[in-house]
Amino acid sequence: MKVLLVNGSPHANGCTFTALTEVADTLKTHGIETEIVQLGNKPISGCLGCGVCMKKGNCFMDDPVNLFLSKVKDADGFIFGSPVHYAAASGHLTSFLDRVFYGKSDLFANKLGAAVVSCRRGGASSAFDQINKYFTISNMPIVSSQYWNQVHGNTPEEVKQDLEGMQTMRTLGHNMAWLLKCIEAGKNAGIPLPKREPKTATNFIR
């Protein structure tokens, strides 16, 4: 079993990375393979709605989106982390997620998802809610923790002093490992994945 963790901060080893590392280290204690994907600090374009990816499978833009999508089929869970910018996820991560999930919900269906946010003081709840919406439109069970998945601090050292936040990250790791093993046990017991109906789209203006 494998979990991909995405660092949506331009700072490779900053506060968001510190939180994600705490989750990853906890998952490893359960024998879960992890990989932290760094989005880096180069620009990532938002989705243009051109539909090329629907026809060819990949986006025409050569950036971290296609590399990440190549890893999705081998992953069983995903954790997307972001610093909080103006009470929202970073523009970097938002552009990334818009393109990763556009028309590709089948790749993520029935796989676990979780959001992690890092902030100095406020805005964490709205950013957390924003990221979770990608899961709830893609048939993904959301993994919870003992509190909303957030840490506070201006530096990695300050984040480590947020004892409740770091404990929340560890609890998230334990809960994700448990659910992954429950799903695997269900498969081994012959319990099928939920049957999905053909999708019906209802437009309000005809």
C-alpha atoms as a PDB file:
ATOM      1  CA  MET A   1       0.000   0.000   0.000  1.00  0.00           C
ATOM      2  CA  LYS A   2       1.227   3.469  -0.871  1.00  0.00           C
ATOM      3  CA  VAL A   3       0.271   7.029  -0.012  1.00  0.00           C
ATOM      4  CA  LEU A   4       1.301  10.058  -2.052  1.00  0.00           C
ATOM      5  CA  LEU A   5       1.713  13.307  -0.094  1.00  0.00           C
ATOM      6  CA  VAL A   6       1.832  16.538  -2.093  1.00  0.00           C
ATOM      7  CA  ASN A   7       3.573  19.620  -0.744  1.00  0.00           C
ATOM      8  CA  GLY A   8       1.716  22.579  -2.238  1.00  0.00           C
ATOM      9  CA  SER A   9       4.168  25.114  -0.796  1.00  0.00           C
ATOM     10  CA  PRO A  10       6.995  26.679  -2.833  1.00  0.00           C
ATOM     11  CA  HIS A  11       9.226  26.054   0.211  1.00  0.00           C
ATOM     12  CA  ALA A  12      10.526  22.508  -0.039  1.00  0.00           C
ATOM     13  CA  ASN A  13      11.348  22.141   3.649  1.00  0.00           C
ATOM     14  CA  GLY A  14       8.985  24.637   5.260  1.00  0.00           C
ATOM     15  CA  CYS A  15       5.974  24.428   7.552  1.00  0.00           C
ATOM     16  CA  THR A  16       3.735  22.397   5.232  1.00  0.00           C
ATOM     17  CA  PHE A  17       6.526  19.897   4.611  1.00  0.00           C
ATOM     18  CA  THR A  18       7.039  19.561   8.361  1.00  0.00           C
ATOM     19  CA  ALA A  19       3.390  18.622   8.846  1.00  0.00           C
ATOM     20  CA  LEU A  20       3.376  16.182   5.929  1.00  0.00           C
ATOM     21  CA  THR A  21       6.567  14.540   7.165  1.00  0.00           C
ATOM     22  CA  GLU A  22       4.936  13.856  10.540  1.00  0.00           C
ATOM     23  CA  VAL A  23       2.071  12.075   8.757  1.00  0.00           C
ATOM     24  CA  ALA A  24       4.450  10.176   6.466  1.00  0.00           C
ATOM     25  CA  ASP A  25       6.618   9.003   9.363  1.00  0.00           C
ATOM     26  CA  THR A  26       3.518   7.699  11.147  1.00  0.00           C
ATOM     27  CA  LEU A  27       2.318   5.835   8.045  1.00  0.00           C
ATOM     28  CA  LYS A  28       5.725   4.182   7.753  1.00  0.00           C
ATOM     29  CA  THR A  29       5.366   2.722  11.255  1.00  0.00           C
ATOM     30  CA  HIS A  30       2.391   0.788   9.875  1.00  0.00           C
ATOM     31  CA  GLY A  31       4.340  -0.515   6.884  1.00  0.00           C
ATOM     32  CA  ILE A  32       2.714   1.928   4.464  1.00  0.00           C
ATOM     33  CA  GLU A  33       4.968   3.179   1.659  1.00  0.00           C
ATOM     34  CA  THR A  34       5.006   6.958   1.281  1.00  0.00           C
ATOM     35  CA  GLU A  35       6.299   9.519  -1.189  1.00  0.00           C
ATOM     36  CA  ILE A  36       6.283  13.282  -0.704  1.00  0.00           C
ATOM     37  CA  VAL A  37       5.844  15.071  -4.029  1.00  0.00           C
ATOM     38  CA  GLN A  38       7.276  18.589  -4.114  1.00  0.00           C
ATOM     39  CA  LEU A  39       5.496  20.969  -6.479  1.00  0.00           C
ATOM     40  CA  GLY A  40       8.496  23.306  -6.352  1.00  0.00           C
ATOM     41  CA  ASN A  41       8.583  27.039  -6.947  1.00  0.00           C
ATOM     42  CA  LYS A  42       8.095  27.228 -10.707  1.00  0.00           C
ATOM     43  CA  PRO A  43       4.727  28.476 -12.015  1.00  0.00           C
ATOM     44  CA  ILE A  44       1.917  25.950 -12.518  1.00  0.00           C
ATOM     45  CA  SER A  45      -0.844  27.060 -14.854  1.00  0.00           C
ATOM     46  CA  GLY A  46      -4.473  26.639 -13.976  1.00  0.00           C
ATOM     47  CA  CYS A  47      -6.779  24.461 -16.074  1.00  0.00           C
ATOM     48  CA  LEU A  48      -7.704  25.984 -19.450  1.00  0.00           C
ATOM     49  CA  GLY A  49     -10.686  23.698 -19.960  1.00  0.00           C
ATOM     50  CA  CYS A  50      -9.408  22.758 -23.421  1.00  0.00           C
ATOM     51  CA  GLY A  51     -10.194  19.045 -23.015  1.00  0.00           C
ATOM     52  CA  VAL A  52      -6.894  17.800 -24.473  1.00  0.00           C
ATOM     53  CA  CYS A  53      -6.305  15.629 -21.406  1.00  0.00           C
ATOM     54  CA  MET A  54      -9.697  13.964 -21.930  1.00  0.00           C
ATOM     55  CA  LYS A  55      -8.628  12.864 -25.410  1.00  0.00           C
ATOM     56  CA  LYS A  56      -4.952  12.081 -24.886  1.00  0.00           C
ATOM     57  CA  GLY A  57      -4.822  11.218 -21.202  1.00  0.00           C
ATOM     58  CA  ASN A  58      -2.222  13.855 -20.366  1.00  0.00           C
ATOM     59  CA  CYS A  59      -2.230  17.630 -20.201  1.00  0.00           C
ATOM     60  CA  PHE A  60      -0.439  19.367 -23.054  1.00  0.00           C
ATOM     61  CA  MET A  61       1.519  21.430 -20.508  1.00  0.00           C
ATOM     62  CA  ASP A  62       4.733  19.792 -19.353  1.00  0.00           C
ATOM     63  CA  ASP A  63       4.900  20.352 -15.600  1.00  0.00           C
ATOM     64  CA  PRO A  64       4.386  18.404 -12.330  1.00  0.00           C
ATOM     65  CA  VAL A  65       0.756  17.557 -13.177  1.00  0.00           C
ATOM     66  CA  ASN A  66       1.548  14.818 -15.702  1.00  0.00           C
ATOM     67  CA  LEU A  67       4.322  13.389 -13.538  1.00  0.00           C
ATOM     68  CA  PHE A  68       1.938  13.147 -10.604  1.00  0.00           C
ATOM     69  CA  LEU A  69      -0.827  11.549 -12.688  1.00  0.00           C
ATOM     70  CA  SER A  70       1.611   8.850 -13.771  1.00  0.00           C
ATOM     71  CA  LYS A  71       1.894   7.845 -10.101  1.00  0.00           C
ATOM     72  CA  VAL A  72      -1.814   7.891  -9.247  1.00  0.00           C
ATOM     73  CA  LYS A  73      -2.750   4.370 -10.349  1.00  0.00           C
ATOM     74  CA  ASP A  74      -0.156   2.829  -8.028  1.00  0.00           C
ATOM     75  CA  ALA A  75      -1.290   4.834  -4.984  1.00  0.00           C
ATOM     76  CA  ASP A  76      -4.003   3.915  -2.489  1.00  0.00           C
ATOM     77  CA  GLY A  77      -4.261   7.228  -0.655  1.00  0.00           C
ATOM     78  CA  PHE A  78      -3.470  10.895  -1.125  1.00  0.00           C
ATOM     79  CA  ILE A  79      -2.685  13.763   1.227  1.00  0.00           C
ATOM     80  CA  PHE A  80      -2.545  17.268  -0.212  1.00  0.00           C
ATOM     81  CA  GLY A  81      -0.838  19.884   1.917  1.00  0.00           C
ATOM     82  CA  SER A  82      -0.913  23.650   1.524  1.00  0.00           C
ATOM     83  CA  PRO A  83       0.094  26.829   3.280  1.00  0.00           C
ATOM     84  CA  VAL A  84      -2.842  29.154   3.888  1.00  0.00           C
ATOM     85  CA  HIS A  85      -2.892  32.233   1.622  1.00  0.00           C
ATOM     86  CA  TYR A  86      -5.737  34.665   2.252  1.00  0.00           C
ATOM     87  CA  ALA A  87      -7.854  31.961   3.966  1.00  0.00           C
ATOM     88  CA  ALA A  88      -7.427  29.640   0.979  1.00  0.00           C
ATOM     89  CA  ALA A  89      -5.080  27.010  -0.360  1.00  0.00           C
ATOM     90  CA  SER A  90      -2.065  28.291  -2.254  1.00  0.00           C
ATOM     91  CA  GLY A  91      -2.615  29.294  -5.883  1.00  0.00           C
ATOM     92  CA  HIS A  92       0.115  26.792  -6.733  1.00  0.00           C
ATOM     93  CA  LEU A  93      -1.791  23.860  -5.253  1.00  0.00           C
ATOM     94  CA  THR A  94      -5.169  25.089  -6.484  1.00  0.00           C
ATOM     95  CA  SER A  95      -3.966  25.224 -10.099  1.00  0.00           C
ATOM     96  CA  PHE A  96      -2.391  21.795  -9.661  1.00  0.00           C
ATOM     97  CA  LEU A  97      -5.526  20.205  -8.213  1.00  0.00           C
ATOM     98  CA  ASP A  98      -7.838  21.762 -10.801  1.00  0.00           C
ATOM     99  CA  ARG A  99      -5.860  20.055 -13.550  1.00  0.00           C
ATOM    100  CA  VAL A 100      -5.178  16.813 -11.692  1.00  0.00           C
ATOM    101  CA  PHE A 101      -8.864  16.188 -10.994  1.00  0.00           C
ATOM    102  CA  TYR A 102     -10.379  17.641 -14.178  1.00  0.00           C
ATOM    103  CA  GLY A 103     -12.218  14.759 -15.877  1.00  0.00           C
ATOM    104  CA  LYS A 104     -10.188  12.181 -13.966  1.00  0.00           C
ATOM    105  CA  SER A 105     -12.355  11.272 -10.990  1.00  0.00           C
ATOM    106  CA  ASP A 106     -12.251   7.599 -12.025  1.00  0.00           C
ATOM    107  CA  LEU A 107      -8.539   7.541 -11.198  1.00  0.00           C
ATOM    108  CA  PHE A 108      -9.270   8.575  -7.608  1.00  0.00           C
ATOM    109  CA  ALA A 109     -12.590   6.830  -6.917  1.00  0.00           C
ATOM    110  CA  ASN A 110     -12.600   4.697  -3.733  1.00  0.00           C
ATOM    111  CA  LYS A 111      -9.086   5.820  -2.803  1.00  0.00           C
ATOM    112  CA  LEU A 112      -8.532   7.710   0.436  1.00  0.00           C
ATOM    113  CA  GLY A 113      -8.002  11.461   0.528  1.00  0.00           C
ATOM    114  CA  ALA A 114      -6.959  13.935   3.203  1.00  0.00           C
ATOM    115  CA  ALA A 115      -6.033  17.607   3.364  1.00  0.00           C
ATOM    116  CA  VAL A 116      -3.372  19.228   5.545  1.00  0.00           C
ATOM    117  CA  VAL A 117      -3.048  22.989   5.960  1.00  0.00           C
ATOM    118  CA  SER A 118      -0.403  25.158   7.583  1.00  0.00           C
ATOM    119  CA  CYS A 119      -0.970  28.723   8.715  1.00  0.00           C
ATOM    120  CA  ARG A 120       0.408  31.393  10.986  1.00  0.00           C
ATOM    121  CA  ARG A 121      -2.857  32.145  12.714  1.00  0.00           C
ATOM    122  CA  GLY A 122      -6.198  32.084  10.834  1.00  0.00           C
ATOM    123  CA  GLY A 123      -7.899  30.926   7.662  1.00  0.00           C
ATOM    124  CA  ALA A 124      -7.057  27.257   8.086  1.00  0.00           C
ATOM    125  CA  SER A 125     -10.650  25.982   8.176  1.00  0.00           C
ATOM    126  CA  SER A 126     -11.669  27.544   4.852  1.00  0.00           C
ATOM    127  CA  ALA A 127      -8.513  26.296   3.124  1.00  0.00           C
ATOM    128  CA  PHE A 128      -9.103  22.838   4.597  1.00  0.00           C
ATOM    129  CA  ASP A 129     -12.686  22.861   3.335  1.00  0.00           C
ATOM    130  CA  GLN A 130     -11.563  23.961  -0.136  1.00  0.00           C
ATOM    131  CA  ILE A 131      -9.191  21.031  -0.593  1.00  0.00           C
ATOM    132  CA  ASN A 132     -11.693  18.501   0.731  1.00  0.00           C
ATOM    133  CA  LYS A 133     -14.125  19.412  -2.044  1.00  0.00           C
ATOM    134  CA  TYR A 134     -11.887  17.716  -4.608  1.00  0.00           C
ATOM    135  CA  PHE A 135     -12.403  14.440  -2.737  1.00  0.00           C
ATOM    136  CA  THR A 136     -16.138  14.697  -2.281  1.00  0.00           C
ATOM    137  CA  ILE A 137     -16.728  15.165  -6.029  1.00  0.00           C
ATOM    138  CA  SER A 138     -14.533  12.166  -6.876  1.00  0.00           C
ATOM    139  CA  ASN A 139     -16.044   9.329  -4.806  1.00  0.00           C
ATOM    140  CA  MET A 140     -13.135   9.447  -2.349  1.00  0.00           C
ATOM    141  CA  PRO A 141     -13.547   8.606   1.359  1.00  0.00           C
ATOM    142  CA  ILE A 142     -12.037  11.396   3.476  1.00  0.00           C
ATOM    143  CA  VAL A 143      -9.723  10.507   6.354  1.00  0.00           C
ATOM    144  CA  SER A 144     -10.256  12.525   9.512  1.00  0.00           C
ATOM    145  CA  SER A 145      -8.207  13.120  12.642  1.00  0.00           C
ATOM    146  CA  GLN A 146      -8.795  14.280  16.214  1.00  0.00           C
ATOM    147  CA  TYR A 147      -9.080  17.897  15.005  1.00  0.00           C
ATOM    148  CA  TRP A 148      -9.088  19.631  11.636  1.00  0.00           C
ATOM    149  CA  ASN A 149      -5.808  18.767   9.945  1.00  0.00           C
ATOM    150  CA  GLN A 150      -3.911  21.984  10.589  1.00  0.00           C
ATOM    151  CA  VAL A 151      -0.658  23.181  12.108  1.00  0.00           C
ATOM    152  CA  HIS A 152       0.342  26.681  13.175  1.00  0.00           C
ATOM    153  CA  GLY A 153       3.648  28.514  12.982  1.00  0.00           C
ATOM    154  CA  ASN A 154       5.863  30.806  10.920  1.00  0.00           C
ATOM    155  CA  THR A 155       8.781  28.371  10.729  1.00  0.00           C
ATOM    156  CA  PRO A 156       9.239  24.597  10.874  1.00  0.00           C
ATOM    157  CA  GLU A 157      10.606  25.008  14.398  1.00  0.00           C
ATOM    158  CA  GLU A 158       7.427  26.835  15.468  1.00  0.00           C
ATOM    159  CA  VAL A 159       5.266  24.174  13.821  1.00  0.00           C
ATOM    160  CA  LYS A 160       7.020  21.508  15.892  1.00  0.00           C
ATOM    161  CA  GLN A 161       6.060  23.505  18.989  1.00  0.00           C
ATOM    162  CA  ASP A 162       2.391  23.188  18.008  1.00  0.00           C
ATOM    163  CA  LEU A 163       2.053  19.972  19.990  1.00  0.00           C
ATOM    164  CA  GLU A 164      -1.652  19.538  19.283  1.00  0.00           C
ATOM    165  CA  GLY A 165      -1.128  20.158  15.580  1.00  0.00           C
ATOM    166  CA  MET A 166       1.669  17.601  15.368  1.00  0.00           C
ATOM    167  CA  GLN A 167      -0.416  15.099  17.327  1.00  0.00           C
ATOM    168  CA  THR A 168      -3.252  15.722  14.868  1.00  0.00           C
ATOM    169  CA  MET A 169      -0.856  14.828  12.039  1.00  0.00           C
ATOM    170  CA  ARG A 170       0.124  11.572  13.740  1.00  0.00           C
ATOM    171  CA  THR A 171      -3.504  10.683  14.406  1.00  0.00           C
ATOM    172  CA  LEU A 172      -4.239  11.333  10.734  1.00  0.00           C
ATOM    173  CA  GLY A 173      -1.453   8.916   9.800  1.00  0.00           C
ATOM    174  CA  HIS A 174      -2.763   6.221  12.167  1.00  0.00           C
ATOM    175  CA  ASN A 175      -6.327   6.642  10.879  1.00  0.00           C
ATOM    176  CA  MET A 176      -5.275   6.488   7.220  1.00  0.00           C
ATOM    177  CA  ALA A 177      -3.188   3.359   7.813  1.00  0.00           C
ATOM    178  CA  TRP A 178      -6.122   1.699   9.601  1.00  0.00           C
ATOM    179  CA  LEU A 179      -8.583   2.534   6.824  1.00  0.00           C
ATOM    180  CA  LEU A 180      -6.174   1.361   4.117  1.00  0.00           C
ATOM    181  CA  LYS A 181      -5.829  -1.965   5.898  1.00  0.00           C
ATOM    182  CA  CYS A 182      -9.608  -2.216   6.370  1.00  0.00           C
ATOM    183  CA  ILE A 183     -10.175  -1.668   2.650  1.00  0.00           C
ATOM    184  CA  GLU A 184      -7.505  -4.254   1.810  1.00  0.00           C
ATOM    185  CA  ALA A 185      -9.091  -6.745   4.213  1.00  0.00           C
ATOM    186  CA  GLY A 186     -12.469  -6.124   2.624  1.00  0.00           C
ATOM    187  CA  LYS A 187     -11.091  -6.813  -0.840  1.00  0.00           C
ATOM    188  CA  ASN A 188      -9.465 -10.020   0.387  1.00  0.00           C
ATOM    189  CA  ALA A 189     -12.777 -11.079   1.928  1.00  0.00           C
ATOM    190  CA  GLY A 190     -14.528 -10.657  -1.410  1.00  0.00           C
ATOM    191  CA  ILE A 191     -16.364  -7.436  -0.616  1.00  0.00           C
ATOM    192  CA  PRO A 192     -16.674  -5.547  -3.920  1.00  0.00           C
ATOM    193  CA  LEU A 193     -16.237  -1.814  -4.333  1.00  0.00           C
ATOM    194  CA  PRO A 194     -19.491   0.189  -4.450  1.00  0.00           C
ATOM    195  CA  LYS A 195     -21.392  -0.184  -7.694  1.00  0.00           C
ATOM    196  CA  ARG A 196     -21.556   3.080  -9.573  1.00  0.00           C
ATOM    197  CA  GLU A 197     -24.452   4.160 -11.731  1.00  0.00           C
ATOM    198  CA  PRO A 198     -23.853   5.838 -15.096  1.00  0.00           C
ATOM    199  CA  LYS A 199     -23.440   9.506 -14.305  1.00  0.00           C
ATOM    200  CA  THR A 200     -26.389  11.800 -14.849  1.00  0.00           C
ATOM    201  CA  ALA A 201     -25.684  15.466 -15.481  1.00  0.00           C
ATOM    202  CA  THR A 202     -28.535  17.895 -14.918  1.00  0.00           C
ATOM    203  CA  ASN A 203     -28.177  21.370 -16.363  1.00  0.00           C
ATOM    204  CA  PHE A 204     -30.368  24.070 -14.851  1.00  0.00           C
ATOM    205  CA  ILE A 205     -30.644  26.088 -18.057  1.00  0.00           C
ATOM    206  CA  ARG A 206     -31.940  24.240 -21.115  1.00  0.00           C
END
